[in-house]
Amino acid sequence: MAHVGKPLNKDYKFVELINPIFKKSDRKLEANITVKYLDTVTNMTQLSQYQLILKKTADNWMIESGI
């Protein structure tokens, strides 16, 4: 997993998920996700990539690591 940096403290608006890739193993799910945001100050697009490990609980998927 990549090191997670400090928050940017910017006013980003979520736009969409771009081509998420999921791999399932037992009760865990690895998710490679690119998220598209709009910087509301500059009106520029910001893309952020995340690698998450999700774990199935009783009724939900919870982030186990990656943030």
N, C-alpha and C. Protein backbone atom coordinates (compact mmCIF):
# COMPACT_ATOMS: atom_id res chain seq x y z
N MET A 1 0.82 -1.19 0.00
CA MET A 1 0.00 0.00 0.00
C MET A 1 0.87 1.25 0.00
N ALA A 2 0.44 2.25 -0.70
CA ALA A 2 1.16 3.51 -0.74
C ALA A 2 0.93 4.30 0.54
N HIS A 3 1.88 5.15 0.87
CA HIS A 3 1.75 6.01 2.04
C HIS A 3 0.66 7.04 1.79
N VAL A 4 -0.17 7.28 2.75
CA VAL A 4 -1.25 8.25 2.62
C VAL A 4 -0.75 9.59 3.17
N GLY A 5 -0.85 10.62 2.36
CA GLY A 5 -0.38 11.94 2.76
C GLY A 5 -1.40 12.69 3.59
N LYS A 6 -1.03 13.92 3.96
CA LYS A 6 -1.92 14.77 4.75
C LYS A 6 -3.07 15.27 3.88
N PRO A 7 -4.22 15.57 4.49
CA PRO A 7 -5.34 16.13 3.73
C PRO A 7 -4.94 17.45 3.06
N LEU A 8 -5.48 17.71 1.87
CA LEU A 8 -5.14 18.92 1.13
C LEU A 8 -5.93 20.13 1.59
N ASN A 9 -7.01 19.91 2.33
CA ASN A 9 -7.87 21.00 2.80
C ASN A 9 -8.35 21.89 1.65
N LYS A 10 -8.80 21.24 0.59
CA LYS A 10 -9.35 21.93 -0.57
C LYS A 10 -10.84 21.65 -0.64
N ASP A 11 -11.55 22.50 -1.36
CA ASP A 11 -12.99 22.33 -1.52
C ASP A 11 -13.25 21.54 -2.80
N TYR A 12 -13.11 20.19 -2.73
CA TYR A 12 -13.33 19.33 -3.88
C TYR A 12 -14.75 18.77 -3.84
N LYS A 13 -15.35 18.68 -5.02
CA LYS A 13 -16.68 18.10 -5.17
C LYS A 13 -16.54 16.77 -5.91
N PHE A 14 -17.09 15.70 -5.33
CA PHE A 14 -17.06 14.38 -5.97
C PHE A 14 -17.80 14.45 -7.29
N VAL A 15 -17.18 13.87 -8.35
CA VAL A 15 -17.81 13.83 -9.66
C VAL A 15 -18.19 12.38 -10.02
N GLU A 16 -17.19 11.46 -9.99
CA GLU A 16 -17.48 10.07 -10.37
C GLU A 16 -16.33 9.15 -10.01
N LEU A 17 -16.62 7.84 -9.99
CA LEU A 17 -15.59 6.81 -9.90
C LEU A 17 -15.23 6.44 -11.33
N ILE A 18 -13.93 6.28 -11.59
CA ILE A 18 -13.48 5.95 -12.93
C ILE A 18 -12.91 4.53 -12.94
N ASN A 19 -13.51 3.65 -13.69
CA ASN A 19 -13.05 2.27 -13.89
C ASN A 19 -12.58 1.57 -12.61
N PRO A 20 -13.44 1.43 -11.61
CA PRO A 20 -13.02 0.70 -10.40
C PRO A 20 -12.75 -0.77 -10.73
N ILE A 21 -11.71 -1.32 -10.10
CA ILE A 21 -11.36 -2.72 -10.29
C ILE A 21 -11.45 -3.41 -8.93
N PHE A 22 -12.19 -4.52 -8.88
CA PHE A 22 -12.40 -5.25 -7.63
C PHE A 22 -11.89 -6.67 -7.78
N LYS A 23 -11.20 -7.16 -6.74
CA LYS A 23 -10.75 -8.55 -6.69
C LYS A 23 -11.20 -9.13 -5.36
N LYS A 24 -11.96 -10.23 -5.42
CA LYS A 24 -12.49 -10.84 -4.20
C LYS A 24 -11.64 -12.02 -3.76
N SER A 25 -11.45 -12.11 -2.43
CA SER A 25 -10.71 -13.21 -1.84
C SER A 25 -11.34 -13.50 -0.48
N ASP A 26 -11.97 -14.68 -0.33
CA ASP A 26 -12.69 -15.04 0.89
C ASP A 26 -13.70 -13.96 1.25
N ARG A 27 -13.57 -13.37 2.45
CA ARG A 27 -14.51 -12.32 2.89
C ARG A 27 -13.92 -10.93 2.74
N LYS A 28 -12.87 -10.81 1.90
CA LYS A 28 -12.24 -9.51 1.68
C LYS A 28 -12.32 -9.15 0.21
N LEU A 29 -12.21 -7.85 -0.06
CA LEU A 29 -12.29 -7.33 -1.40
C LEU A 29 -11.20 -6.28 -1.56
N GLU A 30 -10.37 -6.43 -2.58
CA GLU A 30 -9.37 -5.40 -2.88
C GLU A 30 -9.96 -4.51 -3.95
N ALA A 31 -9.96 -3.21 -3.71
CA ALA A 31 -10.53 -2.25 -4.64
C ALA A 31 -9.47 -1.25 -5.07
N ASN A 32 -9.24 -1.16 -6.38
CA ASN A 32 -8.37 -0.14 -6.95
C ASN A 32 -9.28 0.86 -7.64
N ILE A 33 -9.29 2.07 -7.10
CA ILE A 33 -10.29 3.05 -7.52
C ILE A 33 -9.64 4.38 -7.88
N THR A 34 -10.08 4.97 -8.97
CA THR A 34 -9.72 6.34 -9.31
C THR A 34 -10.98 7.18 -9.12
N VAL A 35 -10.83 8.26 -8.36
CA VAL A 35 -11.97 9.14 -8.08
C VAL A 35 -11.73 10.49 -8.76
N LYS A 36 -12.73 10.95 -9.46
CA LYS A 36 -12.65 12.24 -10.14
C LYS A 36 -13.35 13.29 -9.27
N TYR A 37 -12.62 14.37 -8.96
CA TYR A 37 -13.15 15.48 -8.18
C TYR A 37 -13.07 16.75 -9.00
N LEU A 38 -13.89 17.72 -8.65
CA LEU A 38 -13.82 19.05 -9.23
C LEU A 38 -13.37 20.01 -8.14
N ASP A 39 -12.29 20.74 -8.40
CA ASP A 39 -11.83 21.79 -7.48
C ASP A 39 -12.76 22.97 -7.71
N THR A 40 -13.59 23.30 -6.73
CA THR A 40 -14.62 24.33 -6.92
C THR A 40 -14.04 25.74 -6.95
N VAL A 41 -12.79 25.91 -6.56
CA VAL A 41 -12.16 27.23 -6.61
C VAL A 41 -11.60 27.50 -8.00
N THR A 42 -10.88 26.53 -8.57
CA THR A 42 -10.23 26.72 -9.87
C THR A 42 -11.01 26.10 -11.03
N ASN A 43 -12.05 25.32 -10.74
CA ASN A 43 -12.84 24.59 -11.74
C ASN A 43 -11.98 23.61 -12.54
N MET A 44 -10.93 23.09 -11.92
CA MET A 44 -10.08 22.09 -12.55
C MET A 44 -10.43 20.70 -12.00
N THR A 45 -10.16 19.68 -12.81
CA THR A 45 -10.42 18.31 -12.41
C THR A 45 -9.23 17.77 -11.63
N GLN A 46 -9.51 17.05 -10.56
CA GLN A 46 -8.49 16.40 -9.73
C GLN A 46 -8.79 14.91 -9.74
N LEU A 47 -7.79 14.06 -10.08
CA LEU A 47 -7.95 12.62 -10.03
C LEU A 47 -7.12 12.09 -8.87
N SER A 48 -7.72 11.25 -8.05
CA SER A 48 -7.03 10.62 -6.92
C SER A 48 -7.22 9.12 -7.03
N GLN A 49 -6.13 8.36 -6.78
CA GLN A 49 -6.18 6.91 -6.86
C GLN A 49 -6.08 6.32 -5.46
N TYR A 50 -6.86 5.28 -5.22
CA TYR A 50 -6.90 4.62 -3.91
C TYR A 50 -6.80 3.12 -4.09
N GLN A 51 -6.08 2.47 -3.19
CA GLN A 51 -6.06 1.01 -3.07
C GLN A 51 -6.64 0.69 -1.71
N LEU A 52 -7.78 0.05 -1.69
CA LEU A 52 -8.48 -0.24 -0.44
C LEU A 52 -8.65 -1.74 -0.26
N ILE A 53 -8.60 -2.17 0.99
CA ILE A 53 -8.97 -3.54 1.34
C ILE A 53 -10.27 -3.43 2.13
N LEU A 54 -11.32 -4.05 1.62
CA LEU A 54 -12.64 -4.02 2.25
C LEU A 54 -12.91 -5.38 2.88
N LYS A 55 -13.55 -5.38 4.04
CA LYS A 55 -13.87 -6.61 4.74
C LYS A 55 -15.37 -6.68 4.96
N LYS A 56 -15.96 -7.83 4.69
CA LYS A 56 -17.40 -8.02 4.84
C LYS A 56 -17.74 -8.21 6.31
N THR A 57 -18.65 -7.38 6.81
CA THR A 57 -19.19 -7.55 8.15
C THR A 57 -20.58 -8.16 7.99
N ALA A 58 -21.39 -8.10 9.00
CA ALA A 58 -22.73 -8.71 8.95
C ALA A 58 -23.52 -8.27 7.71
N ASP A 59 -23.67 -6.97 7.53
CA ASP A 59 -24.49 -6.47 6.42
C ASP A 59 -23.77 -5.52 5.47
N ASN A 60 -22.54 -5.10 5.83
CA ASN A 60 -21.87 -4.07 5.06
C ASN A 60 -20.43 -4.43 4.75
N TRP A 61 -19.85 -3.71 3.80
CA TRP A 61 -18.41 -3.77 3.52
C TRP A 61 -17.78 -2.59 4.26
N MET A 62 -16.73 -2.88 5.03
CA MET A 62 -16.02 -1.84 5.77
C MET A 62 -14.59 -1.74 5.27
N ILE A 63 -14.02 -0.53 5.26
CA ILE A 63 -12.63 -0.35 4.84
C ILE A 63 -11.73 -0.87 5.97
N GLU A 64 -10.90 -1.86 5.63
CA GLU A 64 -9.98 -2.44 6.60
C GLU A 64 -8.63 -1.71 6.54
N SER A 65 -8.19 -1.34 5.36
CA SER A 65 -6.95 -0.59 5.22
C SER A 65 -6.95 0.16 3.90
N GLY A 66 -6.06 1.15 3.82
CA GLY A 66 -5.92 1.91 2.58
C GLY A 66 -6.21 3.38 2.71
N ILE A 67 -6.79 3.81 3.82
CA ILE A 67 -7.05 5.24 4.01
C ILE A 67 -6.26 5.70 5.20
